[in-house]
């Protein structure tokens, strides 16, 4: 059972963030296409296109993570759930949501420390001289949204487990 109304603002924010990640990825594709065409037509490719590709792809991938968590589009092993009862599937979803919350907490902590280090030591990309820490900011925002998504899926999993258990006790 989905509690869409209760978490609607967070869901919309996460969906919008994923769309923004898609736009960043489209921008990466355009820069690469431009660089390839400019290199082919004028022997003058876009300098630093690989730097933008690295940073843009990382930002886009992180932007997709909260949406994947929220929609259940992460990697799953259907072989374990094929023959499982609804209660067993709900319990597995609950465990997965707890693991996602814990893992995301560790990622936020470590990414924050990386951001602080890159800001402190002011490391730049080689050609365009873009501060590397700039890519950490949207990645951290994505991880906070991932934690929110994991908490939403945890709440939904708890509700599902409770509902399935109460229905099972009524039918037993």
N, C-alpha and C. Protein backbone atom coordinates (compact mmCIF):
# COMPACT_ATOMS: atom_id res chain seq x y z
N UNK A 1 0.85 -1.19 0.00
CA UNK A 1 0.00 0.00 0.00
C UNK A 1 0.89 1.24 0.00
N UNK A 2 0.66 2.13 -0.93
CA UNK A 2 1.47 3.34 -1.05
C UNK A 2 0.82 4.47 -0.25
N UNK A 3 1.66 5.22 0.40
CA UNK A 3 1.19 6.40 1.12
C UNK A 3 1.62 7.64 0.34
N UNK A 4 1.15 7.71 -0.89
CA UNK A 4 1.59 8.74 -1.82
C UNK A 4 1.26 10.14 -1.33
N UNK A 5 0.09 10.32 -0.74
CA UNK A 5 -0.32 11.64 -0.29
C UNK A 5 0.57 12.20 0.80
N UNK A 6 0.98 11.35 1.70
CA UNK A 6 1.79 11.78 2.83
C UNK A 6 3.17 12.23 2.39
N UNK A 7 3.71 11.65 1.36
CA UNK A 7 5.07 11.95 0.92
C UNK A 7 5.10 12.63 -0.45
N UNK A 8 3.98 13.17 -0.89
CA UNK A 8 3.89 13.75 -2.24
C UNK A 8 4.94 14.83 -2.49
N UNK A 9 5.16 15.81 -1.60
CA UNK A 9 6.18 16.83 -1.88
C UNK A 9 7.58 16.24 -2.05
N UNK A 10 7.93 15.29 -1.22
CA UNK A 10 9.25 14.65 -1.33
C UNK A 10 9.35 13.87 -2.63
N UNK A 11 8.30 13.17 -2.99
CA UNK A 11 8.30 12.41 -4.25
C UNK A 11 8.49 13.34 -5.45
N UNK A 12 7.79 14.45 -5.44
CA UNK A 12 7.92 15.40 -6.56
C UNK A 12 9.32 15.99 -6.62
N UNK A 13 9.88 16.30 -5.47
CA UNK A 13 11.24 16.83 -5.43
C UNK A 13 12.23 15.81 -6.00
N UNK A 14 12.07 14.56 -5.60
CA UNK A 14 12.96 13.49 -6.08
C UNK A 14 12.78 13.28 -7.58
N UNK A 15 11.56 13.30 -8.06
CA UNK A 15 11.31 13.16 -9.50
C UNK A 15 11.92 14.33 -10.27
N UNK A 16 11.75 15.54 -9.76
CA UNK A 16 12.33 16.72 -10.41
C UNK A 16 13.85 16.67 -10.43
N UNK A 17 14.44 16.17 -9.35
CA UNK A 17 15.89 16.05 -9.28
C UNK A 17 16.39 15.03 -10.31
N UNK A 18 15.65 13.95 -10.50
CA UNK A 18 16.03 12.96 -11.51
C UNK A 18 15.92 13.55 -12.91
N UNK A 19 14.90 14.34 -13.15
CA UNK A 19 14.76 15.00 -14.45
C UNK A 19 15.94 15.96 -14.67
N UNK A 20 16.31 16.68 -13.63
CA UNK A 20 17.47 17.57 -13.73
C UNK A 20 18.74 16.77 -14.05
N UNK A 21 18.89 15.60 -13.43
CA UNK A 21 20.01 14.72 -13.75
C UNK A 21 19.98 14.30 -15.20
N UNK A 22 18.80 14.03 -15.73
CA UNK A 22 18.67 13.68 -17.13
C UNK A 22 19.07 14.83 -18.05
N UNK A 23 18.73 16.05 -17.64
CA UNK A 23 19.13 17.22 -18.42
C UNK A 23 20.65 17.41 -18.40
N UNK A 24 21.26 17.15 -17.24
CA UNK A 24 22.73 17.22 -17.15
C UNK A 24 23.34 16.20 -18.11
N UNK A 25 22.78 14.99 -18.11
CA UNK A 25 23.29 13.95 -19.00
C UNK A 25 23.11 14.35 -20.47
N UNK A 26 21.99 14.97 -20.79
CA UNK A 26 21.79 15.47 -22.16
C UNK A 26 22.84 16.53 -22.50
N UNK A 27 23.15 17.39 -21.54
CA UNK A 27 24.19 18.39 -21.73
C UNK A 27 25.54 17.75 -22.01
N UNK A 28 25.85 16.67 -21.30
CA UNK A 28 27.10 15.93 -21.53
C UNK A 28 27.13 15.39 -22.96
N UNK A 29 26.03 14.84 -23.40
CA UNK A 29 25.95 14.29 -24.76
C UNK A 29 26.15 15.41 -25.79
N UNK A 30 25.53 16.56 -25.56
CA UNK A 30 25.67 17.68 -26.49
C UNK A 30 27.12 18.16 -26.55
N UNK A 31 27.77 18.29 -25.39
CA UNK A 31 29.17 18.71 -25.37
C UNK A 31 30.04 17.71 -26.12
N UNK A 32 29.79 16.43 -25.90
CA UNK A 32 30.58 15.41 -26.61
C UNK A 32 30.32 15.44 -28.12
N UNK A 33 29.07 15.59 -28.51
CA UNK A 33 28.75 15.66 -29.94
C UNK A 33 29.39 16.89 -30.57
N UNK A 34 29.32 18.00 -29.86
CA UNK A 34 29.94 19.24 -30.34
C UNK A 34 31.44 19.05 -30.50
N UNK A 35 32.06 18.45 -29.52
CA UNK A 35 33.51 18.22 -29.56
C UNK A 35 33.90 17.30 -30.72
N UNK A 36 33.13 16.26 -30.91
CA UNK A 36 33.41 15.32 -32.02
C UNK A 36 33.25 16.01 -33.36
N UNK A 37 32.14 16.74 -33.52
CA UNK A 37 31.91 17.45 -34.79
C UNK A 37 32.96 18.53 -35.03
N UNK A 38 33.30 19.28 -33.98
CA UNK A 38 34.31 20.34 -34.14
C UNK A 38 35.67 19.73 -34.44
N UNK A 39 35.96 18.59 -33.85
CA UNK A 39 37.22 17.91 -34.15
C UNK A 39 37.26 17.38 -35.57
N UNK A 40 36.13 16.89 -36.04
CA UNK A 40 36.06 16.32 -37.38
C UNK A 40 36.04 17.40 -38.46
N UNK A 41 35.21 18.45 -38.22
CA UNK A 41 35.05 19.48 -39.23
C UNK A 41 36.18 20.52 -39.23
N UNK A 42 36.63 20.93 -38.06
CA UNK A 42 37.58 22.04 -37.97
C UNK A 42 38.89 21.64 -37.30
N UNK A 43 39.04 20.36 -37.00
CA UNK A 43 40.23 19.88 -36.28
C UNK A 43 40.46 20.67 -34.99
N UNK A 44 39.35 21.02 -34.33
CA UNK A 44 39.42 21.80 -33.09
C UNK A 44 38.38 21.29 -32.10
N UNK A 45 38.64 20.13 -31.46
CA UNK A 45 37.66 19.61 -30.50
C UNK A 45 37.56 20.51 -29.28
N UNK A 46 36.48 20.35 -28.58
CA UNK A 46 36.24 21.13 -27.37
C UNK A 46 37.25 20.73 -26.30
N UNK A 47 38.07 21.65 -25.81
CA UNK A 47 39.07 21.28 -24.80
C UNK A 47 38.38 20.96 -23.46
N UNK A 48 38.80 19.88 -22.86
CA UNK A 48 38.27 19.51 -21.55
C UNK A 48 36.94 18.81 -21.59
N UNK A 49 36.55 18.32 -22.77
CA UNK A 49 35.25 17.66 -22.86
C UNK A 49 35.18 16.44 -21.95
N UNK A 50 36.29 15.73 -21.78
CA UNK A 50 36.29 14.55 -20.92
C UNK A 50 36.13 14.94 -19.45
N UNK A 51 36.62 16.12 -19.07
CA UNK A 51 36.42 16.58 -17.69
C UNK A 51 34.94 16.84 -17.41
N UNK A 52 34.30 17.50 -18.36
CA UNK A 52 32.86 17.75 -18.21
C UNK A 52 32.08 16.45 -18.25
N UNK A 53 32.54 15.51 -19.07
CA UNK A 53 31.87 14.21 -19.15
C UNK A 53 31.97 13.48 -17.81
N UNK A 54 33.15 13.47 -17.21
CA UNK A 54 33.33 12.80 -15.91
C UNK A 54 32.44 13.42 -14.85
N UNK A 55 32.52 14.74 -14.72
CA UNK A 55 31.75 15.42 -13.68
C UNK A 55 30.25 15.33 -13.94
N UNK A 56 29.85 15.58 -15.19
CA UNK A 56 28.43 15.55 -15.52
C UNK A 56 27.80 14.19 -15.36
N UNK A 57 28.53 13.15 -15.77
CA UNK A 57 28.00 11.79 -15.62
C UNK A 57 27.87 11.41 -14.16
N UNK A 58 28.86 11.78 -13.36
CA UNK A 58 28.78 11.49 -11.92
C UNK A 58 27.58 12.20 -11.29
N UNK A 59 27.40 13.46 -11.62
CA UNK A 59 26.27 14.21 -11.08
C UNK A 59 24.95 13.57 -11.51
N UNK A 60 24.84 13.19 -12.78
CA UNK A 60 23.60 12.58 -13.29
C UNK A 60 23.32 11.25 -12.60
N UNK A 61 24.34 10.41 -12.47
CA UNK A 61 24.14 9.10 -11.84
C UNK A 61 23.66 9.28 -10.40
N UNK A 62 24.29 10.18 -9.67
CA UNK A 62 23.85 10.42 -8.29
C UNK A 62 22.42 10.96 -8.26
N UNK A 63 22.05 11.78 -9.24
CA UNK A 63 20.70 12.35 -9.29
C UNK A 63 19.64 11.28 -9.53
N UNK A 64 20.02 10.19 -10.20
CA UNK A 64 19.06 9.11 -10.48
C UNK A 64 18.85 8.19 -9.28
N UNK A 65 19.80 8.11 -8.37
CA UNK A 65 19.72 7.15 -7.25
C UNK A 65 18.47 7.31 -6.39
N UNK A 66 18.10 8.54 -5.97
CA UNK A 66 16.88 8.65 -5.14
C UNK A 66 15.62 8.15 -5.86
N UNK A 67 15.53 8.47 -7.14
CA UNK A 67 14.36 8.03 -7.91
C UNK A 67 14.32 6.50 -8.02
N UNK A 68 15.48 5.90 -8.24
CA UNK A 68 15.55 4.44 -8.32
C UNK A 68 15.12 3.81 -7.00
N UNK A 69 15.55 4.39 -5.88
CA UNK A 69 15.15 3.86 -4.57
C UNK A 69 13.64 4.00 -4.38
N UNK A 70 13.13 5.16 -4.74
CA UNK A 70 11.72 5.45 -4.53
C UNK A 70 10.81 4.57 -5.36
N UNK A 71 11.22 4.23 -6.57
CA UNK A 71 10.37 3.45 -7.47
C UNK A 71 10.69 1.96 -7.45
N UNK A 72 11.67 1.57 -6.64
CA UNK A 72 12.04 0.16 -6.58
C UNK A 72 12.78 -0.30 -7.81
N UNK A 73 13.46 0.62 -8.48
CA UNK A 73 14.17 0.29 -9.72
C UNK A 73 15.62 -0.11 -9.47
N UNK A 74 15.99 -0.28 -8.23
CA UNK A 74 17.35 -0.74 -7.93
C UNK A 74 17.47 -2.22 -8.27
N UNK A 75 18.67 -2.70 -8.24
CA UNK A 75 18.91 -4.11 -8.53
C UNK A 75 18.17 -4.95 -7.49
N UNK A 76 17.47 -5.95 -7.97
CA UNK A 76 16.79 -6.86 -7.05
C UNK A 76 16.95 -8.29 -7.58
N UNK A 77 16.83 -9.20 -6.66
CA UNK A 77 16.95 -10.61 -7.03
C UNK A 77 15.56 -11.24 -6.98
N UNK A 78 14.88 -11.24 -8.12
CA UNK A 78 13.53 -11.77 -8.19
C UNK A 78 13.47 -13.26 -7.88
N UNK A 79 14.58 -13.93 -8.01
CA UNK A 79 14.61 -15.36 -7.71
C UNK A 79 14.22 -15.63 -6.25
N UNK A 80 14.51 -14.66 -5.37
CA UNK A 80 14.17 -14.83 -3.96
C UNK A 80 12.70 -14.51 -3.68
N UNK A 81 12.10 -13.67 -4.53
CA UNK A 81 10.73 -13.25 -4.25
C UNK A 81 9.68 -13.96 -5.10
N UNK A 82 10.11 -14.76 -6.09
CA UNK A 82 9.15 -15.44 -6.98
C UNK A 82 8.13 -16.27 -6.22
N UNK A 83 8.64 -17.04 -5.29
CA UNK A 83 7.75 -17.96 -4.59
C UNK A 83 7.51 -17.55 -3.14
N UNK A 84 7.89 -16.34 -2.81
CA UNK A 84 7.72 -15.86 -1.44
C UNK A 84 6.29 -15.35 -1.24
N UNK A 85 5.84 -15.44 -0.03
CA UNK A 85 4.52 -14.91 0.31
C UNK A 85 4.60 -13.39 0.37
N UNK A 86 3.45 -12.72 0.34
CA UNK A 86 3.45 -11.25 0.43
C UNK A 86 4.13 -10.75 1.72
N UNK A 87 3.96 -11.49 2.80
CA UNK A 87 4.60 -11.10 4.07
C UNK A 87 6.11 -11.22 3.94
N UNK A 88 6.59 -12.30 3.33
CA UNK A 88 8.04 -12.47 3.15
C UNK A 88 8.62 -11.39 2.25
N UNK A 89 7.91 -11.06 1.18
CA UNK A 89 8.37 -10.00 0.28
C UNK A 89 8.40 -8.67 1.03
N UNK A 90 7.38 -8.41 1.84
CA UNK A 90 7.33 -7.17 2.61
C UNK A 90 8.49 -7.10 3.61
N UNK A 91 8.80 -8.22 4.25
CA UNK A 91 9.91 -8.24 5.21
C UNK A 91 11.24 -8.01 4.48
N UNK A 92 11.41 -8.63 3.30
CA UNK A 92 12.64 -8.39 2.52
C UNK A 92 12.74 -6.93 2.10
N UNK A 93 11.62 -6.33 1.74
CA UNK A 93 11.62 -4.91 1.39
C UNK A 93 11.98 -4.05 2.59
N UNK A 94 11.50 -4.44 3.74
CA UNK A 94 11.82 -3.73 4.98
C UNK A 94 13.32 -3.79 5.26
N UNK A 95 13.90 -4.98 5.15
CA UNK A 95 15.34 -5.15 5.38
C UNK A 95 16.13 -4.34 4.35
N UNK A 96 15.71 -4.37 3.10
CA UNK A 96 16.40 -3.61 2.05
C UNK A 96 16.34 -2.11 2.33
N UNK A 97 15.22 -1.62 2.82
CA UNK A 97 15.09 -0.20 3.13
C UNK A 97 15.99 0.19 4.30
N UNK A 98 16.10 -0.68 5.30
CA UNK A 98 16.99 -0.41 6.43
C UNK A 98 18.44 -0.36 5.96
N UNK A 99 18.83 -1.32 5.12
CA UNK A 99 20.19 -1.34 4.58
C UNK A 99 20.43 -0.08 3.74
N UNK A 100 19.46 0.33 2.93
CA UNK A 100 19.60 1.53 2.11
C UNK A 100 19.80 2.77 2.99
N UNK A 101 19.05 2.87 4.08
CA UNK A 101 19.20 4.00 5.00
C UNK A 101 20.60 4.02 5.61
N UNK A 102 21.05 2.88 6.09
CA UNK A 102 22.37 2.80 6.71
C UNK A 102 23.48 3.11 5.71
N UNK A 103 23.40 2.50 4.55
CA UNK A 103 24.42 2.69 3.52
C UNK A 103 24.46 4.15 3.06
N UNK A 104 23.29 4.76 2.91
CA UNK A 104 23.23 6.15 2.49
C UNK A 104 23.82 7.06 3.55
N UNK A 105 23.58 6.75 4.81
CA UNK A 105 24.19 7.53 5.89
C UNK A 105 25.70 7.52 5.81
N UNK A 106 26.27 6.35 5.55
CA UNK A 106 27.73 6.23 5.41
C UNK A 106 28.20 7.02 4.18
N UNK A 107 27.48 6.93 3.08
CA UNK A 107 27.86 7.67 1.86
C UNK A 107 27.82 9.18 2.09
N UNK A 108 26.81 9.66 2.78
CA UNK A 108 26.71 11.10 3.06
C UNK A 108 27.91 11.55 3.90
N UNK A 109 28.22 10.79 4.92
CA UNK A 109 29.34 11.10 5.79
C UNK A 109 30.65 11.16 5.00
N UNK A 110 30.93 10.13 4.21
CA UNK A 110 32.19 10.07 3.47
C UNK A 110 32.24 11.12 2.35
N UNK A 111 31.12 11.37 1.68
CA UNK A 111 31.09 12.37 0.62
C UNK A 111 31.30 13.77 1.21
N UNK A 112 30.73 14.00 2.38
CA UNK A 112 30.93 15.29 3.05
C UNK A 112 32.42 15.50 3.36
N UNK A 113 33.06 14.47 3.88
CA UNK A 113 34.50 14.57 4.18
C UNK A 113 35.31 14.81 2.90
N UNK A 114 34.91 14.17 1.81
CA UNK A 114 35.58 14.40 0.53
C UNK A 114 35.41 15.83 0.05
N UNK A 115 34.20 16.36 0.19
CA UNK A 115 33.93 17.74 -0.18
C UNK A 115 34.82 18.69 0.62
N UNK A 116 34.88 18.48 1.92
CA UNK A 116 35.71 19.33 2.78
C UNK A 116 37.18 19.27 2.36
N UNK A 117 37.67 18.07 2.08
CA UNK A 117 39.06 17.93 1.65
C UNK A 117 39.33 18.65 0.33
N UNK A 118 38.46 18.46 -0.65
CA UNK A 118 38.68 19.10 -1.95
C UNK A 118 38.56 20.62 -1.87
N UNK A 119 37.71 21.11 -0.98
CA UNK A 119 37.62 22.57 -0.78
C UNK A 119 38.86 23.09 -0.07
N UNK A 120 39.33 22.33 0.92
CA UNK A 120 40.50 22.75 1.69
C UNK A 120 41.74 22.81 0.82
N UNK A 121 41.95 21.80 -0.01
CA UNK A 121 43.16 21.71 -0.81
C UNK A 121 42.99 22.26 -2.22
N UNK A 122 41.84 22.81 -2.53
CA UNK A 122 41.53 23.46 -3.80
C UNK A 122 42.15 22.77 -5.02
N UNK A 123 41.73 21.54 -5.24
CA UNK A 123 42.19 20.80 -6.43
C UNK A 123 41.27 21.14 -7.60
N UNK A 124 41.87 21.29 -8.77
CA UNK A 124 41.14 21.67 -9.98
C UNK A 124 41.32 20.61 -11.05
N UNK A 125 40.42 20.63 -12.04
CA UNK A 125 40.62 19.76 -13.20
C UNK A 125 41.79 20.29 -14.01
N UNK A 126 42.39 19.43 -14.81
CA UNK A 126 43.62 19.77 -15.50
C UNK A 126 43.50 20.80 -16.60
N UNK A 127 42.44 20.75 -17.40
CA UNK A 127 42.35 21.62 -18.57
C UNK A 127 41.45 22.83 -18.31
N UNK A 128 40.25 22.59 -17.85
CA UNK A 128 39.31 23.69 -17.64
C UNK A 128 39.48 24.38 -16.29
N UNK A 129 40.25 23.78 -15.42
CA UNK A 129 40.50 24.31 -14.07
C UNK A 129 39.22 24.56 -13.29
N UNK A 130 38.33 23.60 -13.36
CA UNK A 130 37.09 23.64 -12.58
C UNK A 130 37.41 23.05 -11.21
N UNK A 131 37.01 23.72 -10.13
CA UNK A 131 37.24 23.12 -8.80
C UNK A 131 36.50 21.78 -8.70
N UNK A 132 37.19 20.76 -8.29
CA UNK A 132 36.61 19.42 -8.23
C UNK A 132 35.47 19.35 -7.22
N UNK A 133 35.54 20.14 -6.17
CA UNK A 133 34.51 20.07 -5.14
C UNK A 133 33.13 20.46 -5.66
N UNK A 134 33.09 21.17 -6.79
CA UNK A 134 31.80 21.56 -7.34
C UNK A 134 30.92 20.35 -7.63
N UNK A 135 31.50 19.26 -8.05
CA UNK A 135 30.71 18.05 -8.35
C UNK A 135 30.19 17.39 -7.08
N UNK A 136 30.84 17.65 -5.96
CA UNK A 136 30.42 17.04 -4.70
C UNK A 136 29.10 17.63 -4.19
N UNK A 137 28.83 18.89 -4.49
CA UNK A 137 27.62 19.54 -3.96
C UNK A 137 26.35 18.87 -4.49
N UNK A 138 26.16 18.73 -5.81
CA UNK A 138 24.95 18.04 -6.26
C UNK A 138 24.94 16.56 -5.86
N UNK A 139 26.12 15.94 -5.74
CA UNK A 139 26.16 14.55 -5.29
C UNK A 139 25.67 14.44 -3.85
N UNK A 140 26.05 15.38 -3.01
CA UNK A 140 25.57 15.36 -1.62
C UNK A 140 24.07 15.62 -1.55
N UNK A 141 23.59 16.55 -2.35
CA UNK A 141 22.14 16.80 -2.39
C UNK A 141 21.42 15.52 -2.82
N UNK A 142 21.97 14.84 -3.80
CA UNK A 142 21.38 13.57 -4.26
C UNK A 142 21.36 12.54 -3.15
N UNK A 143 22.43 12.47 -2.38
CA UNK A 143 22.50 11.49 -1.29
C UNK A 143 21.50 11.82 -0.18
N UNK A 144 21.31 13.10 0.10
CA UNK A 144 20.29 13.47 1.09
C UNK A 144 18.90 13.07 0.58
N UNK A 145 18.66 13.31 -0.72
CA UNK A 145 17.38 12.88 -1.30
C UNK A 145 17.27 11.36 -1.31
N UNK A 146 18.38 10.67 -1.50
CA UNK A 146 18.38 9.21 -1.43
C UNK A 146 18.00 8.74 -0.04
N UNK A 147 18.51 9.41 0.99
CA UNK A 147 18.13 9.06 2.36
C UNK A 147 16.64 9.28 2.58
N UNK A 148 16.13 10.39 2.07
CA UNK A 148 14.69 10.65 2.19
C UNK A 148 13.90 9.56 1.47
N UNK A 149 14.34 9.20 0.28
CA UNK A 149 13.66 8.13 -0.48
C UNK A 149 13.73 6.81 0.29
N UNK A 150 14.87 6.52 0.88
CA UNK A 150 15.01 5.28 1.65
C UNK A 150 14.10 5.30 2.87
N UNK A 151 13.97 6.45 3.51
CA UNK A 151 13.06 6.55 4.66
C UNK A 151 11.60 6.39 4.23
N UNK A 152 11.26 6.93 3.05
CA UNK A 152 9.90 6.74 2.52
C UNK A 152 9.64 5.27 2.25
N UNK A 153 10.59 4.60 1.59
CA UNK A 153 10.39 3.17 1.31
C UNK A 153 10.39 2.35 2.59
N UNK A 154 11.14 2.78 3.59
CA UNK A 154 11.11 2.10 4.89
C UNK A 154 9.73 2.25 5.53
N UNK A 155 9.20 3.44 5.50
CA UNK A 155 7.86 3.68 6.05
C UNK A 155 6.81 2.85 5.32
N UNK A 156 6.91 2.80 4.00
CA UNK A 156 5.95 2.01 3.22
C UNK A 156 6.11 0.52 3.50
N UNK A 157 7.36 0.07 3.68
CA UNK A 157 7.59 -1.35 3.97
C UNK A 157 7.03 -1.72 5.34
N UNK A 158 7.20 -0.84 6.32
CA UNK A 158 6.64 -1.09 7.65
C UNK A 158 5.12 -1.18 7.58
N UNK A 159 4.52 -0.25 6.83
CA UNK A 159 3.06 -0.27 6.66
C UNK A 159 2.61 -1.56 5.98
N UNK A 160 3.34 -1.99 4.96
CA UNK A 160 2.98 -3.21 4.24
C UNK A 160 3.10 -4.44 5.14
N UNK A 161 4.19 -4.51 5.93
CA UNK A 161 4.36 -5.65 6.84
C UNK A 161 3.23 -5.68 7.85
N UNK A 162 2.90 -4.53 8.42
CA UNK A 162 1.81 -4.48 9.41
C UNK A 162 0.47 -4.88 8.79
N UNK A 163 0.21 -4.37 7.60
CA UNK A 163 -1.05 -4.67 6.92
C UNK A 163 -1.15 -6.16 6.60
N UNK A 164 -0.07 -6.72 6.06
CA UNK A 164 -0.09 -8.15 5.70
C UNK A 164 -0.20 -9.04 6.94
N UNK A 165 0.45 -8.66 8.00
CA UNK A 165 0.35 -9.46 9.23
C UNK A 165 -1.04 -9.38 9.84
N UNK A 166 -1.63 -8.19 9.81
CA UNK A 166 -2.97 -8.07 10.39
C UNK A 166 -3.99 -8.81 9.52
N UNK A 167 -3.82 -8.78 8.21
CA UNK A 167 -4.73 -9.51 7.33
C UNK A 167 -4.55 -11.02 7.52
N UNK A 168 -3.32 -11.44 7.75
CA UNK A 168 -3.07 -12.86 7.95
C UNK A 168 -3.67 -13.35 9.27
N UNK A 169 -3.62 -12.49 10.30
CA UNK A 169 -4.17 -12.91 11.57
C UNK A 169 -5.71 -12.98 11.52
N UNK A 170 -6.33 -12.15 10.68
CA UNK A 170 -7.78 -12.19 10.54
C UNK A 170 -8.22 -13.43 9.75
N UNK A 171 -7.40 -13.86 8.82
CA UNK A 171 -7.80 -15.00 8.01
C UNK A 171 -7.42 -16.33 8.63
N UNK A 172 -6.55 -16.31 9.64
CA UNK A 172 -6.08 -17.56 10.24
C UNK A 172 -7.09 -18.17 11.16
